C-alpha atoms as a PDB file:
ATOM      1  CA  MET A   1     195.285 240.192  51.736  1.00  0.00           C
ATOM      2  CA  ARG A   2     197.475 237.820  49.659  1.00  0.00           C
ATOM      3  CA  ALA A   3     200.745 240.551  49.456  1.00  0.00           C
ATOM      4  CA  PRO A   4     200.718 241.062  53.243  1.00  0.00           C
ATOM      5  CA  ALA A   5     200.403 237.303  53.977  1.00  0.00           C
ATOM      6  CA  LEU A   6     203.216 236.311  51.689  1.00  0.00           C
ATOM      7  CA  LEU A   7     205.381 239.052  53.190  1.00  0.00           C
ATOM      8  CA  LEU A   8     204.478 237.824  56.666  1.00  0.00           C
ATOM      9  CA  LEU A   9     205.456 234.156  55.540  1.00  0.00           C
ATOM     10  CA  LEU A  10     208.671 235.391  54.093  1.00  0.00           C
ATOM     11  CA  LEU A  11     209.570 237.215  57.235  1.00  0.00           C
ATOM     12  CA  LEU A  12     208.806 234.079  59.470  1.00  0.00           C
ATOM     13  CA  LEU A  13     211.017 232.025  56.988  1.00  0.00           C
ATOM     14  CA  LEU A  14     213.803 234.615  57.348  1.00  0.00           C
ATOM     15  CA  LEU A  15     213.656 234.643  61.098  1.00  0.00           C
ATOM     16  CA  LEU A  16     213.774 230.706  61.139  1.00  0.00           C
ATOM     17  CA  LEU A  17     216.921 230.812  58.896  1.00  0.00           C
ATOM     18  CA  ALA A  18     218.566 233.305  61.179  1.00  0.00           C
ATOM     19  CA  ARG A  19     218.129 231.239  64.352  1.00  0.00           C
ATOM     20  CA  ALA A  20     219.200 227.803  62.284  1.00  0.00           C
ATOM     21  CA  GLU A  21     222.412 230.090  61.340  1.00  0.00           C
ATOM     22  CA  ARG A  22     222.922 230.934  65.110  1.00  0.00           C
ATOM     23  CA  ARG A  23     222.392 227.485  66.401  1.00  0.00           C
ATOM     24  CA  SER A  24     225.039 225.996  63.833  1.00  0.00           C
ATOM     25  CA  ALA A  25     227.648 228.498  64.535  1.00  0.00           C
ATOM     26  CA  ASP A  26     229.724 226.661  67.012  1.00  0.00           C
ATOM     27  CA  PRO A  27     230.995 229.098  69.759  1.00  0.00           C
ATOM     28  CA  SER A  28     233.864 226.708  70.417  1.00  0.00           C
ATOM     29  CA  PRO A  29     235.828 226.154  67.082  1.00  0.00           C
ATOM     30  CA  ALA A  30     237.946 223.157  66.284  1.00  0.00           C
ATOM     31  CA  PRO A  31     241.678 223.865  66.097  1.00  0.00           C
ATOM     32  CA  PRO A  32     243.598 222.820  62.849  1.00  0.00           C
ATOM     33  CA  ARG A  33     244.258 218.996  62.492  1.00  0.00           C
ATOM     34  CA  VAL A  34     247.799 218.487  60.985  1.00  0.00           C
ATOM     35  CA  ASN A  35     249.810 215.375  59.981  1.00  0.00           C
ATOM     36  CA  VAL A  36     253.421 214.891  61.362  1.00  0.00           C
ATOM     37  CA  SER A  37     255.129 212.030  59.812  1.00  0.00           C
ATOM     38  CA  LEU A  38     257.556 209.902  62.150  1.00  0.00           C
ATOM     39  CA  ASP A  39     258.997 208.619  58.815  1.00  0.00           C
ATOM     40  CA  ALA A  40     260.543 211.978  58.374  1.00  0.00           C
ATOM     41  CA  ALA A  41     263.985 212.889  59.883  1.00  0.00           C
ATOM     42  CA  PRO A  42     263.161 214.393  63.497  1.00  0.00           C
ATOM     43  CA  ALA A  43     264.869 217.887  62.857  1.00  0.00           C
ATOM     44  CA  ALA A  44     262.462 218.029  59.766  1.00  0.00           C
ATOM     45  CA  ARG A  45     259.170 216.292  60.610  1.00  0.00           C
ATOM     46  CA  TRP A  46     257.494 219.540  62.194  1.00  0.00           C
ATOM     47  CA  LEU A  47     258.381 221.749  59.183  1.00  0.00           C
ATOM     48  CA  PRO A  48     255.252 221.176  57.074  1.00  0.00           C
ATOM     49  CA  VAL A  49     253.024 222.365  59.999  1.00  0.00           C
ATOM     50  CA  LEU A  50     255.505 225.256  61.123  1.00  0.00           C
ATOM     51  CA  ARG A  51     254.985 226.718  57.568  1.00  0.00           C
ATOM     52  CA  LEU A  52     251.150 226.960  58.197  1.00  0.00           C
ATOM     53  CA  PHE A  53     251.723 229.467  61.086  1.00  0.00           C
ATOM     54  CA  ASP A  54     253.059 233.034  61.420  1.00  0.00           C
ATOM     55  CA  PRO A  55     256.556 232.536  62.869  1.00  0.00           C
ATOM     56  CA  GLY A  56     256.325 235.911  64.638  1.00  0.00           C
ATOM     57  CA  LEU A  57     253.263 234.803  66.637  1.00  0.00           C
ATOM     58  CA  VAL A  58     255.173 231.898  67.798  1.00  0.00           C
ATOM     59  CA  ARG A  59     258.248 233.701  68.540  1.00  0.00           C
ATOM     60  CA  ALA A  60     255.746 236.185  70.486  1.00  0.00           C
ATOM     61  CA  ALA A  61     254.439 233.154  72.557  1.00  0.00           C
ATOM     62  CA  VAL A  62     258.014 232.148  73.263  1.00  0.00           C
ATOM     63  CA  ALA A  63     259.237 235.192  74.356  1.00  0.00           C
ATOM     64  CA  ARG A  64     256.157 235.963  76.607  1.00  0.00           C
ATOM     65  CA  ILE A  65     255.815 232.692  78.268  1.00  0.00           C
ATOM     66  CA  MET A  66     259.812 232.346  78.816  1.00  0.00           C
ATOM     67  CA  GLY A  67     259.992 235.907  80.410  1.00  0.00           C
ATOM     68  CA  ASP A  68     256.997 235.026  82.827  1.00  0.00           C
ATOM     69  CA  ARG A  69     257.906 231.342  83.760  1.00  0.00           C
ATOM     70  CA  VAL A  70     261.600 230.796  83.315  1.00  0.00           C
ATOM     71  CA  PRO A  71     263.791 232.053  86.219  1.00  0.00           C
ATOM     72  CA  LYS A  72     266.846 233.974  85.221  1.00  0.00           C
ATOM     73  CA  TRP A  73     269.016 231.333  86.726  1.00  0.00           C
ATOM     74  CA  VAL A  74     267.564 228.753  84.832  1.00  0.00           C
ATOM     75  CA  LEU A  75     268.353 230.601  81.625  1.00  0.00           C
ATOM     76  CA  GLY A  76     271.958 230.858  82.452  1.00  0.00           C
ATOM     77  CA  VAL A  77     272.181 227.292  83.537  1.00  0.00           C
ATOM     78  CA  ILE A  78     270.592 225.775  80.499  1.00  0.00           C
ATOM     79  CA  GLY A  79     272.273 228.312  78.088  1.00  0.00           C
ATOM     80  CA  LYS A  80     275.780 227.136  79.469  1.00  0.00           C
ATOM     81  CA  LEU A  81     275.019 223.047  79.664  1.00  0.00           C
ATOM     82  CA  VAL A  82     272.830 222.903  76.725  1.00  0.00           C
ATOM     83  CA  ALA A  83     275.570 220.963  74.780  1.00  0.00           C
ATOM     84  CA  GLU A  84     276.363 218.543  77.425  1.00  0.00           C
ATOM     85  CA  MET A  85     272.559 217.880  78.053  1.00  0.00           C
ATOM     86  CA  GLU A  86     271.970 216.847  74.406  1.00  0.00           C
ATOM     87  CA  SER A  87     273.931 213.495  74.943  1.00  0.00           C
ATOM     88  CA  PHE A  88     271.324 212.356  77.552  1.00  0.00           C
ATOM     89  CA  LEU A  89     268.147 214.290  76.598  1.00  0.00           C
ATOM     90  CA  PRO A  90     265.523 211.707  75.167  1.00  0.00           C
ATOM     91  CA  GLN A  91     265.419 211.357  71.596  1.00  0.00           C
ATOM     92  CA  PRO A  92     263.762 212.126  68.814  1.00  0.00           C
ATOM     93  CA  PHE A  93     262.445 215.054  71.075  1.00  0.00           C
ATOM     94  CA  THR A  94     265.788 217.113  71.274  1.00  0.00           C
ATOM     95  CA  GLU A  95     266.227 216.878  67.365  1.00  0.00           C
ATOM     96  CA  GLU A  96     262.834 217.941  66.834  1.00  0.00           C
ATOM     97  CA  ILE A  97     263.208 220.699  69.270  1.00  0.00           C
ATOM     98  CA  ARG A  98     266.582 221.713  67.130  1.00  0.00           C
ATOM     99  CA  GLY A  99     264.602 221.846  63.957  1.00  0.00           C
ATOM    100  CA  ILE A 100     261.639 223.658  65.271  1.00  0.00           C
ATOM    101  CA  SER A 101     264.389 226.167  66.801  1.00  0.00           C
ATOM    102  CA  ASP A 102     266.179 226.477  63.694  1.00  0.00           C
ATOM    103  CA  PHE A 103     263.122 227.410  61.675  1.00  0.00           C
ATOM    104  CA  LEU A 104     261.941 230.108  64.281  1.00  0.00           C
ATOM    105  CA  ASN A 105     265.662 231.446  64.712  1.00  0.00           C
ATOM    106  CA  LEU A 106     265.839 230.400  68.246  1.00  0.00           C
ATOM    107  CA  SER A 107     268.698 228.922  70.059  1.00  0.00           C
ATOM    108  CA  LEU A 108     268.523 225.221  70.960  1.00  0.00           C
ATOM    109  CA  ALA A 109     268.645 226.364  74.708  1.00  0.00           C
ATOM    110  CA  ASP A 110     265.374 228.595  74.169  1.00  0.00           C
ATOM    111  CA  GLY A 111     263.592 225.958  72.265  1.00  0.00           C
ATOM    112  CA  LEU A 112     264.192 223.401  75.081  1.00  0.00           C
ATOM    113  CA  LEU A 113     263.329 225.864  77.831  1.00  0.00           C
ATOM    114  CA  ILE A 114     260.034 226.796  76.022  1.00  0.00           C
ATOM    115  CA  ASN A 115     259.059 223.192  76.124  1.00  0.00           C
ATOM    116  CA  LEU A 116     260.169 222.718  79.898  1.00  0.00           C
ATOM    117  CA  ALA A 117     258.098 226.004  80.640  1.00  0.00           C
ATOM    118  CA  TYR A 118     254.761 224.423  79.326  1.00  0.00           C
ATOM    119  CA  GLU A 119     255.650 221.357  81.690  1.00  0.00           C
ATOM    120  CA  ALA A 120     255.469 223.909  84.781  1.00  0.00           C
ATOM    121  CA  SER A 121     252.333 225.356  84.637  1.00  0.00           C
ATOM    122  CA  ALA A 122     249.391 223.180  82.941  1.00  0.00           C
ATOM    123  CA  PHE A 123     246.590 223.227  85.105  1.00  0.00           C
ATOM    124  CA  CYS A 124     243.866 220.794  84.079  1.00  0.00           C
ATOM    125  CA  THR A 125     240.832 218.571  84.804  1.00  0.00           C
ATOM    126  CA  SER A 126     240.442 215.278  83.522  1.00  0.00           C
ATOM    127  CA  VAL A 127     237.708 212.809  83.675  1.00  0.00           C
ATOM    128  CA  VAL A 128     237.755 209.076  82.894  1.00  0.00           C
ATOM    129  CA  ALA A 129     234.227 207.131  83.016  1.00  0.00           C
ATOM    130  CA  GLN A 130     232.602 204.124  82.128  1.00  0.00           C
ATOM    131  CA  ASP A 131     228.758 203.884  81.035  1.00  0.00           C
ATOM    132  CA  SER A 132     226.277 201.275  81.910  1.00  0.00           C
ATOM    133  CA  ARG A 133     227.224 199.312  78.665  1.00  0.00           C
ATOM    134  CA  GLY A 134     230.831 199.320  79.619  1.00  0.00           C
ATOM    135  CA  HIS A 135     232.113 201.697  77.251  1.00  0.00           C
ATOM    136  CA  ILE A 136     235.084 203.976  78.193  1.00  0.00           C
ATOM    137  CA  TYR A 137     235.054 207.925  77.795  1.00  0.00           C
ATOM    138  CA  HIS A 138     237.831 210.142  78.794  1.00  0.00           C
ATOM    139  CA  GLY A 139     237.600 214.040  78.444  1.00  0.00           C
ATOM    140  CA  ARG A 140     240.152 217.042  79.386  1.00  0.00           C
ATOM    141  CA  ASN A 141     240.133 220.889  79.878  1.00  0.00           C
ATOM    142  CA  LEU A 142     243.772 222.290  79.769  1.00  0.00           C
ATOM    143  CA  ASP A 143     243.845 225.423  81.641  1.00  0.00           C
ATOM    144  CA  TYR A 144     246.818 227.718  80.831  1.00  0.00           C
ATOM    145  CA  PRO A 145     247.833 231.351  81.178  1.00  0.00           C
ATOM    146  CA  PHE A 146     248.682 232.958  77.789  1.00  0.00           C
ATOM    147  CA  GLY A 147     245.411 231.810  76.089  1.00  0.00           C
ATOM    148  CA  ASP A 148     245.137 234.725  73.824  1.00  0.00           C
ATOM    149  CA  LEU A 149     248.413 233.502  72.111  1.00  0.00           C
ATOM    150  CA  LEU A 150     248.035 229.612  72.673  1.00  0.00           C
ATOM    151  CA  ARG A 151     244.335 229.204  71.277  1.00  0.00           C
ATOM    152  CA  LYS A 152     245.808 230.413  68.058  1.00  0.00           C
ATOM    153  CA  LEU A 153     248.832 227.785  68.290  1.00  0.00           C
ATOM    154  CA  THR A 154     246.568 224.751  69.168  1.00  0.00           C
ATOM    155  CA  VAL A 155     246.515 221.865  67.009  1.00  0.00           C
ATOM    156  CA  ASP A 156     245.294 218.496  66.939  1.00  0.00           C
ATOM    157  CA  VAL A 157     248.199 216.165  65.509  1.00  0.00           C
ATOM    158  CA  GLN A 158     247.903 213.028  63.708  1.00  0.00           C
ATOM    159  CA  PHE A 159     251.235 211.267  64.004  1.00  0.00           C
ATOM    160  CA  LEU A 160     251.756 209.079  61.051  1.00  0.00           C
ATOM    161  CA  LYS A 161     253.683 205.953  60.517  1.00  0.00           C
ATOM    162  CA  ASN A 162     254.254 204.393  56.990  1.00  0.00           C
ATOM    163  CA  GLY A 163     251.232 206.600  56.010  1.00  0.00           C
ATOM    164  CA  GLN A 164     248.788 205.672  58.633  1.00  0.00           C
ATOM    165  CA  ILE A 165     247.780 207.252  61.994  1.00  0.00           C
ATOM    166  CA  ALA A 166     249.876 205.792  64.907  1.00  0.00           C
ATOM    167  CA  PHE A 167     248.434 207.893  67.355  1.00  0.00           C
ATOM    168  CA  THR A 168     246.841 211.260  67.833  1.00  0.00           C
ATOM    169  CA  GLY A 169     247.502 214.033  70.360  1.00  0.00           C
ATOM    170  CA  THR A 170     246.728 217.948  70.824  1.00  0.00           C
ATOM    171  CA  THR A 171     249.508 220.350  71.716  1.00  0.00           C
ATOM    172  CA  PHE A 172     250.880 223.855  70.837  1.00  0.00           C
ATOM    173  CA  ILE A 173     252.911 224.662  67.744  1.00  0.00           C
ATOM    174  CA  GLY A 174     256.599 224.457  68.936  1.00  0.00           C
ATOM    175  CA  TYR A 175     255.928 222.035  71.759  1.00  0.00           C
ATOM    176  CA  VAL A 176     256.904 218.532  70.954  1.00  0.00           C
ATOM    177  CA  GLY A 177     255.233 216.983  73.912  1.00  0.00           C
ATOM    178  CA  LEU A 178     251.730 215.915  74.527  1.00  0.00           C
ATOM    179  CA  TRP A 179     249.498 216.365  77.493  1.00  0.00           C
ATOM    180  CA  THR A 180     246.415 214.834  75.680  1.00  0.00           C
ATOM    181  CA  GLY A 181     246.326 211.897  73.296  1.00  0.00           C
ATOM    182  CA  GLN A 182     244.998 208.632  71.833  1.00  0.00           C
ATOM    183  CA  SER A 183     246.382 205.442  70.624  1.00  0.00           C
ATOM    184  CA  PRO A 184     243.485 204.088  68.210  1.00  0.00           C
ATOM    185  CA  HIS A 185     241.796 201.038  69.506  1.00  0.00           C
ATOM    186  CA  LYS A 186     244.451 200.544  72.301  1.00  0.00           C
ATOM    187  CA  PHE A 187     244.208 203.658  75.053  1.00  0.00           C
ATOM    188  CA  THR A 188     243.826 207.476  75.987  1.00  0.00           C
ATOM    189  CA  VAL A 189     246.099 209.532  78.096  1.00  0.00           C
ATOM    190  CA  SER A 190     245.871 212.920  79.668  1.00  0.00           C
ATOM    191  CA  GLY A 191     248.294 214.439  82.049  1.00  0.00           C
ATOM    192  CA  ASP A 192     247.742 217.038  84.859  1.00  0.00           C
ATOM    193  CA  GLU A 193     250.148 218.900  86.854  1.00  0.00           C
ATOM    194  CA  ARG A 194     250.905 218.058  90.411  1.00  0.00           C
ATOM    195  CA  ASP A 195     253.068 220.942  91.772  1.00  0.00           C
ATOM    196  CA  LYS A 196     255.026 220.013  95.211  1.00  0.00           C
ATOM    197  CA  GLY A 197     257.250 223.173  94.947  1.00  0.00           C
ATOM    198  CA  TRP A 198     260.846 223.642  93.896  1.00  0.00           C
ATOM    199  CA  TRP A 199     259.828 222.755  90.298  1.00  0.00           C
ATOM    200  CA  TRP A 200     262.561 224.280  88.460  1.00  0.00           C
ATOM    201  CA  GLU A 201     265.375 223.064  90.633  1.00  0.00           C
ATOM    202  CA  ASN A 202     264.158 219.437  90.825  1.00  0.00           C
ATOM    203  CA  ALA A 203     263.454 219.309  87.129  1.00  0.00           C
ATOM    204  CA  ILE A 204     266.889 220.578  86.077  1.00  0.00           C
ATOM    205  CA  ALA A 205     268.520 217.975  88.515  1.00  0.00           C
ATOM    206  CA  ALA A 206     266.394 215.048  87.118  1.00  0.00           C
ATOM    207  CA  LEU A 207     267.052 216.020  83.427  1.00  0.00           C
ATOM    208  CA  PHE A 208     270.690 215.632  84.343  1.00  0.00           C
ATOM    209  CA  GLN A 209     269.690 211.948  85.593  1.00  0.00           C
ATOM    210  CA  GLY A 210     268.265 211.183  82.152  1.00  0.00           C
ATOM    211  CA  HIS A 211     264.556 211.463  83.585  1.00  0.00           C
ATOM    212  CA  SER A 212     261.652 212.089  81.048  1.00  0.00           C
ATOM    213  CA  PRO A 213     259.616 215.571  80.997  1.00  0.00           C
ATOM    214  CA  VAL A 214     255.950 214.507  81.833  1.00  0.00           C
ATOM    215  CA  SER A 215     254.452 215.055  78.534  1.00  0.00           C
ATOM    216  CA  TRP A 216     257.297 213.562  76.648  1.00  0.00           C
ATOM    217  CA  LEU A 217     256.429 210.489  78.358  1.00  0.00           C
ATOM    218  CA  ILE A 218     252.802 210.396  77.189  1.00  0.00           C
ATOM    219  CA  ARG A 219     254.177 210.840  73.639  1.00  0.00           C
ATOM    220  CA  THR A 220     256.430 207.957  73.950  1.00  0.00           C
ATOM    221  CA  THR A 221     253.827 205.758  75.572  1.00  0.00           C
ATOM    222  CA  LEU A 222     251.319 206.540  72.801  1.00  0.00           C
ATOM    223  CA  SER A 223     254.023 205.281  70.278  1.00  0.00           C
ATOM    224  CA  GLU A 224     255.264 202.313  71.960  1.00  0.00           C
ATOM    225  CA  SER A 225     252.682 200.801  74.460  1.00  0.00           C
ATOM    226  CA  GLU A 226     250.504 197.786  72.823  1.00  0.00           C
ATOM    227  CA  ASP A 227     247.615 198.123  75.048  1.00  0.00           C
ATOM    228  CA  PHE A 228     245.999 199.639  78.303  1.00  0.00           C
ATOM    229  CA  GLU A 229     247.879 197.819  80.703  1.00  0.00           C
ATOM    230  CA  ALA A 230     251.250 198.427  79.133  1.00  0.00           C
ATOM    231  CA  SER A 231     250.507 201.996  78.993  1.00  0.00           C
ATOM    232  CA  VAL A 232     249.713 202.137  82.670  1.00  0.00           C
ATOM    233  CA  TYR A 233     252.954 200.262  83.552  1.00  0.00           C
ATOM    234  CA  LYS A 234     254.907 202.766  81.480  1.00  0.00           C
ATOM    235  CA  LEU A 235     253.193 205.630  82.968  1.00  0.00           C
ATOM    236  CA  ALA A 236     253.593 204.637  86.291  1.00  0.00           C
ATOM    237  CA  LYS A 237     257.279 203.355  86.221  1.00  0.00           C
ATOM    238  CA  THR A 238     259.151 205.381  84.182  1.00  0.00           C
ATOM    239  CA  PRO A 239     261.254 208.246  85.996  1.00  0.00           C
ATOM    240  CA  LEU A 240     259.936 211.674  85.444  1.00  0.00           C
ATOM    241  CA  ILE A 241     261.493 215.172  86.020  1.00  0.00           C
ATOM    242  CA  ALA A 242     258.349 216.234  87.974  1.00  0.00           C
ATOM    243  CA  ASP A 243     255.456 215.112  89.775  1.00  0.00           C
ATOM    244  CA  ALA A 244     252.414 214.440  87.962  1.00  0.00           C
ATOM    245  CA  TYR A 245     248.737 212.765  87.504  1.00  0.00           C
ATOM    246  CA  TYR A 246     248.345 210.480  84.400  1.00  0.00           C
ATOM    247  CA  ILE A 247     244.872 209.727  83.578  1.00  0.00           C
ATOM    248  CA  VAL A 248     244.205 206.830  81.264  1.00  0.00           C
ATOM    249  CA  GLY A 249     241.328 204.985  79.469  1.00  0.00           C
ATOM    250  CA  GLY A 250     241.224 201.929  77.560  1.00  0.00           C
ATOM    251  CA  THR A 251     238.665 199.957  75.349  1.00  0.00           C
ATOM    252  CA  ALA A 252     237.166 197.321  77.773  1.00  0.00           C
ATOM    253  CA  PRO A 253     234.911 197.582  80.895  1.00  0.00           C
ATOM    254  CA  ARG A 254     237.012 198.707  84.013  1.00  0.00           C
ATOM    255  CA  GLU A 255     239.918 199.949  81.911  1.00  0.00           C
ATOM    256  CA  GLY A 256     240.297 203.456  83.625  1.00  0.00           C
ATOM    257  CA  VAL A 257     242.883 204.848  85.902  1.00  0.00           C
ATOM    258  CA  VAL A 258     244.244 207.761  87.714  1.00  0.00           C
ATOM    259  CA  ILE A 259     247.962 207.522  88.361  1.00  0.00           C
ATOM    260  CA  THR A 260     249.441 209.866  91.210  1.00  0.00           C
ATOM    261  CA  ARG A 261     253.168 210.155  90.130  1.00  0.00           C
ATOM    262  CA  ASN A 262     256.135 211.208  92.294  1.00  0.00           C
ATOM    263  CA  ARG A 263     259.445 211.657  90.023  1.00  0.00           C
ATOM    264  CA  GLY A 264     260.714 208.195  90.942  1.00  0.00           C
ATOM    265  CA  GLY A 265     257.483 206.280  90.620  1.00  0.00           C
ATOM    266  CA  PRO A 266     253.940 206.067  91.591  1.00  0.00           C
ATOM    267  CA  ALA A 267     252.712 207.417  94.696  1.00  0.00           C
ATOM    268  CA  ASP A 268     249.048 205.941  93.976  1.00  0.00           C
ATOM    269  CA  ILE A 269     246.914 203.997  91.421  1.00  0.00           C
ATOM    270  CA  TRP A 270     243.098 204.905  91.411  1.00  0.00           C
ATOM    271  CA  PRO A 271     241.341 202.581  89.097  1.00  0.00           C
ATOM    272  CA  LEU A 272     237.617 202.578  87.913  1.00  0.00           C
ATOM    273  CA  ASP A 273     235.583 200.243  90.244  1.00  0.00           C
ATOM    274  CA  PRO A 274     232.111 200.273  88.604  1.00  0.00           C
ATOM    275  CA  LEU A 275     230.878 197.238  90.201  1.00  0.00           C
ATOM    276  CA  ASN A 276     231.085 199.187  93.315  1.00  0.00           C
ATOM    277  CA  GLY A 277     229.504 202.286  92.080  1.00  0.00           C
ATOM    278  CA  ALA A 278     232.836 204.111  91.147  1.00  0.00           C
ATOM    279  CA  TRP A 279     232.189 204.241  87.260  1.00  0.00           C
ATOM    280  CA  PHE A 280     234.079 207.591  86.875  1.00  0.00           C
ATOM    281  CA  ARG A 281     237.126 209.227  88.339  1.00  0.00           C
ATOM    282  CA  VAL A 282     237.721 213.176  88.303  1.00  0.00           C
ATOM    283  CA  GLU A 283     241.420 214.356  88.636  1.00  0.00           C
ATOM    284  CA  THR A 284     242.366 218.088  88.952  1.00  0.00           C
ATOM    285  CA  ASN A 285     245.595 219.395  89.930  1.00  0.00           C
ATOM    286  CA  TYR A 286     245.279 217.772  93.578  1.00  0.00           C
ATOM    287  CA  ASP A 287     245.838 214.366  95.361  1.00  0.00           C
ATOM    288  CA  HIS A 288     242.314 212.644  95.287  1.00  0.00           C
ATOM    289  CA  TRP A 289     242.708 211.446  98.764  1.00  0.00           C
ATOM    290  CA  LYS A 290     243.084 215.023 100.001  1.00  0.00           C
ATOM    291  CA  PRO A 291     240.354 218.121 100.235  1.00  0.00           C
ATOM    292  CA  VAL A 292     240.927 220.531  97.481  1.00  0.00           C
ATOM    293  CA  PRO A 293     241.589 224.260  98.260  1.00  0.00           C
ATOM    294  CA  GLN A 294     238.280 226.219  98.440  1.00  0.00           C
ATOM    295  CA  THR A 295     239.918 228.693  96.019  1.00  0.00           C
ATOM    296  CA  ASP A 296     240.227 226.171  93.283  1.00  0.00           C
ATOM    297  CA  ASP A 297     237.737 223.596  93.646  1.00  0.00           C
ATOM    298  CA  ARG A 298     236.760 221.903  90.157  1.00  0.00           C
ATOM    299  CA  ARG A 299     236.570 218.657  91.652  1.00  0.00           C
ATOM    300  CA  THR A 300     233.224 219.084  93.440  1.00  0.00           C
ATOM    301  CA  PRO A 301     231.331 220.783  90.518  1.00  0.00           C
ATOM    302  CA  ALA A 302     232.683 218.018  88.002  1.00  0.00           C
ATOM    303  CA  ILE A 303     231.460 215.212  90.345  1.00  0.00           C
ATOM    304  CA  LYS A 304     228.055 216.702  90.849  1.00  0.00           C
ATOM    305  CA  ALA A 305     227.798 217.139  87.017  1.00  0.00           C
ATOM    306  CA  LEU A 306     228.627 213.437  86.569  1.00  0.00           C
ATOM    307  CA  ASN A 307     226.111 212.299  88.893  1.00  0.00           C
ATOM    308  CA  ALA A 308     223.637 214.430  87.722  1.00  0.00           C
ATOM    309  CA  THR A 309     224.218 213.001  84.069  1.00  0.00           C
ATOM    310  CA  GLY A 310     223.948 209.368  85.202  1.00  0.00           C
ATOM    311  CA  GLN A 311     226.017 206.388  84.132  1.00  0.00           C
ATOM    312  CA  ALA A 312     223.308 205.360  81.473  1.00  0.00           C
ATOM    313  CA  ASN A 313     223.209 208.548  79.922  1.00  0.00           C
ATOM    314  CA  LEU A 314     227.024 208.882  79.647  1.00  0.00           C
ATOM    315  CA  SER A 315     228.757 209.762  75.987  1.00  0.00           C
ATOM    316  CA  LEU A 316     231.246 212.062  74.739  1.00  0.00           C
ATOM    317  CA  GLU A 317     228.957 214.699  74.517  1.00  0.00           C
ATOM    318  CA  ALA A 318     227.928 214.310  77.886  1.00  0.00           C
ATOM    319  CA  VAL A 319     231.615 214.298  79.148  1.00  0.00           C
ATOM    320  CA  PHE A 320     232.020 217.466  76.888  1.00  0.00           C
ATOM    321  CA  GLN A 321     228.963 219.239  78.931  1.00  0.00           C
ATOM    322  CA  VAL A 322     230.606 218.037  82.213  1.00  0.00           C
ATOM    323  CA  LEU A 323     233.671 219.941  81.249  1.00  0.00           C
ATOM    324  CA  SER A 324     231.964 222.878  80.190  1.00  0.00           C
ATOM    325  CA  VAL A 325     230.417 223.574  83.900  1.00  0.00           C
ATOM    326  CA  VAL A 326     231.742 226.534  85.708  1.00  0.00           C
ATOM    327  CA  PRO A 327     234.287 226.588  87.241  1.00  0.00           C
ATOM    328  CA  VAL A 328     235.504 223.270  85.667  1.00  0.00           C
ATOM    329  CA  TYR A 329     235.384 225.375  82.283  1.00  0.00           C
ATOM    330  CA  ASN A 330     237.127 228.912  83.397  1.00  0.00           C
ATOM    331  CA  ASN A 331     238.878 231.735  81.903  1.00  0.00           C
ATOM    332  CA  LEU A 332     242.076 230.069  81.616  1.00  0.00           C
ATOM    333  CA  THR A 333     240.539 226.979  79.665  1.00  0.00           C
ATOM    334  CA  VAL A 334     242.360 226.870  76.494  1.00  0.00           C
ATOM    335  CA  TYR A 335     240.760 223.748  74.949  1.00  0.00           C
ATOM    336  CA  THR A 336     238.646 220.688  75.757  1.00  0.00           C
ATOM    337  CA  THR A 337     239.148 217.167  74.121  1.00  0.00           C
ATOM    338  CA  VAL A 338     236.947 214.435  74.627  1.00  0.00           C
ATOM    339  CA  MET A 339     237.869 210.941  73.222  1.00  0.00           C
ATOM    340  CA  SER A 340     237.418 206.954  73.452  1.00  0.00           C
ATOM    341  CA  ALA A 341     240.036 204.557  72.214  1.00  0.00           C
ATOM    342  CA  ALA A 342     237.336 202.231  70.884  1.00  0.00           C
ATOM    343  CA  THR A 343     236.068 204.913  68.443  1.00  0.00           C
ATOM    344  CA  PRO A 344     239.150 206.704  67.600  1.00  0.00           C
ATOM    345  CA  ASP A 345     237.440 208.645  64.705  1.00  0.00           C
ATOM    346  CA  LYS A 346     235.405 210.642  67.374  1.00  0.00           C
ATOM    347  CA  TYR A 347     238.537 212.375  68.902  1.00  0.00           C
ATOM    348  CA  MET A 348     237.422 215.793  69.352  1.00  0.00           C
ATOM    349  CA  THR A 349     239.024 219.149  70.415  1.00  0.00           C
ATOM    350  CA  ARG A 350     237.334 222.554  70.921  1.00  0.00           C
ATOM    351  CA  ILE A 351     238.878 225.688  71.615  1.00  0.00           C
ATOM    352  CA  ARG A 352     237.457 227.435  74.675  1.00  0.00           C
ATOM    353  CA  ASN A 353     237.014 231.138  75.338  1.00  0.00           C
ATOM    354  CA  PRO A 354     237.918 232.008  71.775  1.00  0.00           C
ATOM    355  CA  SER A 355     238.489 235.782  71.129  1.00  0.00           C
END
């Protein structure tokens, strides 16, 4: 009887180990976390990161996205005028794009255009919320076509000044802007597209007026703004090349807001109001005061999931689960990030729909 009993015990242990391994296998892996030193020259600061990736994969992504997203007339205009544009495009971004383009054997015009192409097509869901103890949590899904390529190029970047983390963000290799980021112990930001039509026409005209791309302003704000209030002011007032939504979270109670942007300034400021029951805000890609299209209603499921969670049970993990509810989480979701500026070490990104 002993031998069968021992065999049975061994089989049970093997089954338990197999189940534990399945549970520990994360279906949503973390992207690489890399450092970019802001003390290095702009044209050189991305090179150590670029060397970690296959240049052919990056060039394939550039070719595919530009072929699908950039109109032919834009290719002609930028190709002819890029030299003139250099004088008024914001720095250090243009020099960073030049360094990346040289490394990948791309023209500066193509490097600039791929960065603009990402600006034109970012579909997203963002949540900022306050728990019953006054802690602020922030999460976002970034939905984008070409996920088969972009999931392989997604990185969490720690931007360093004097060897210390100045701010953190999530982006794609070759893209110098940030749609998601955190300034430690200060604030968090995510951006969502607000498409009002004629995107390329308006964006090119605004570039020649010295306006900032949407994602470049997020990075500039993370680098320069000293606190939540200063970040909200900068994100609300700085002229942009396109309409957008900025979602901002701070470190103190009630420090959460959705900024609806026109190119010239704010169209609406929608703050948290927890004393009156508004302990969260959800923003997708539509004005919050208008109904969403029935064909793209990510707002209602997110709101239902937050209400089901409850303010007392809110946490970064809970926000991640809200952002994992279908169709908030969908086939185009490239990554999910959750963050809280008060606890910057808990900044977490996960690749979704990994192949």
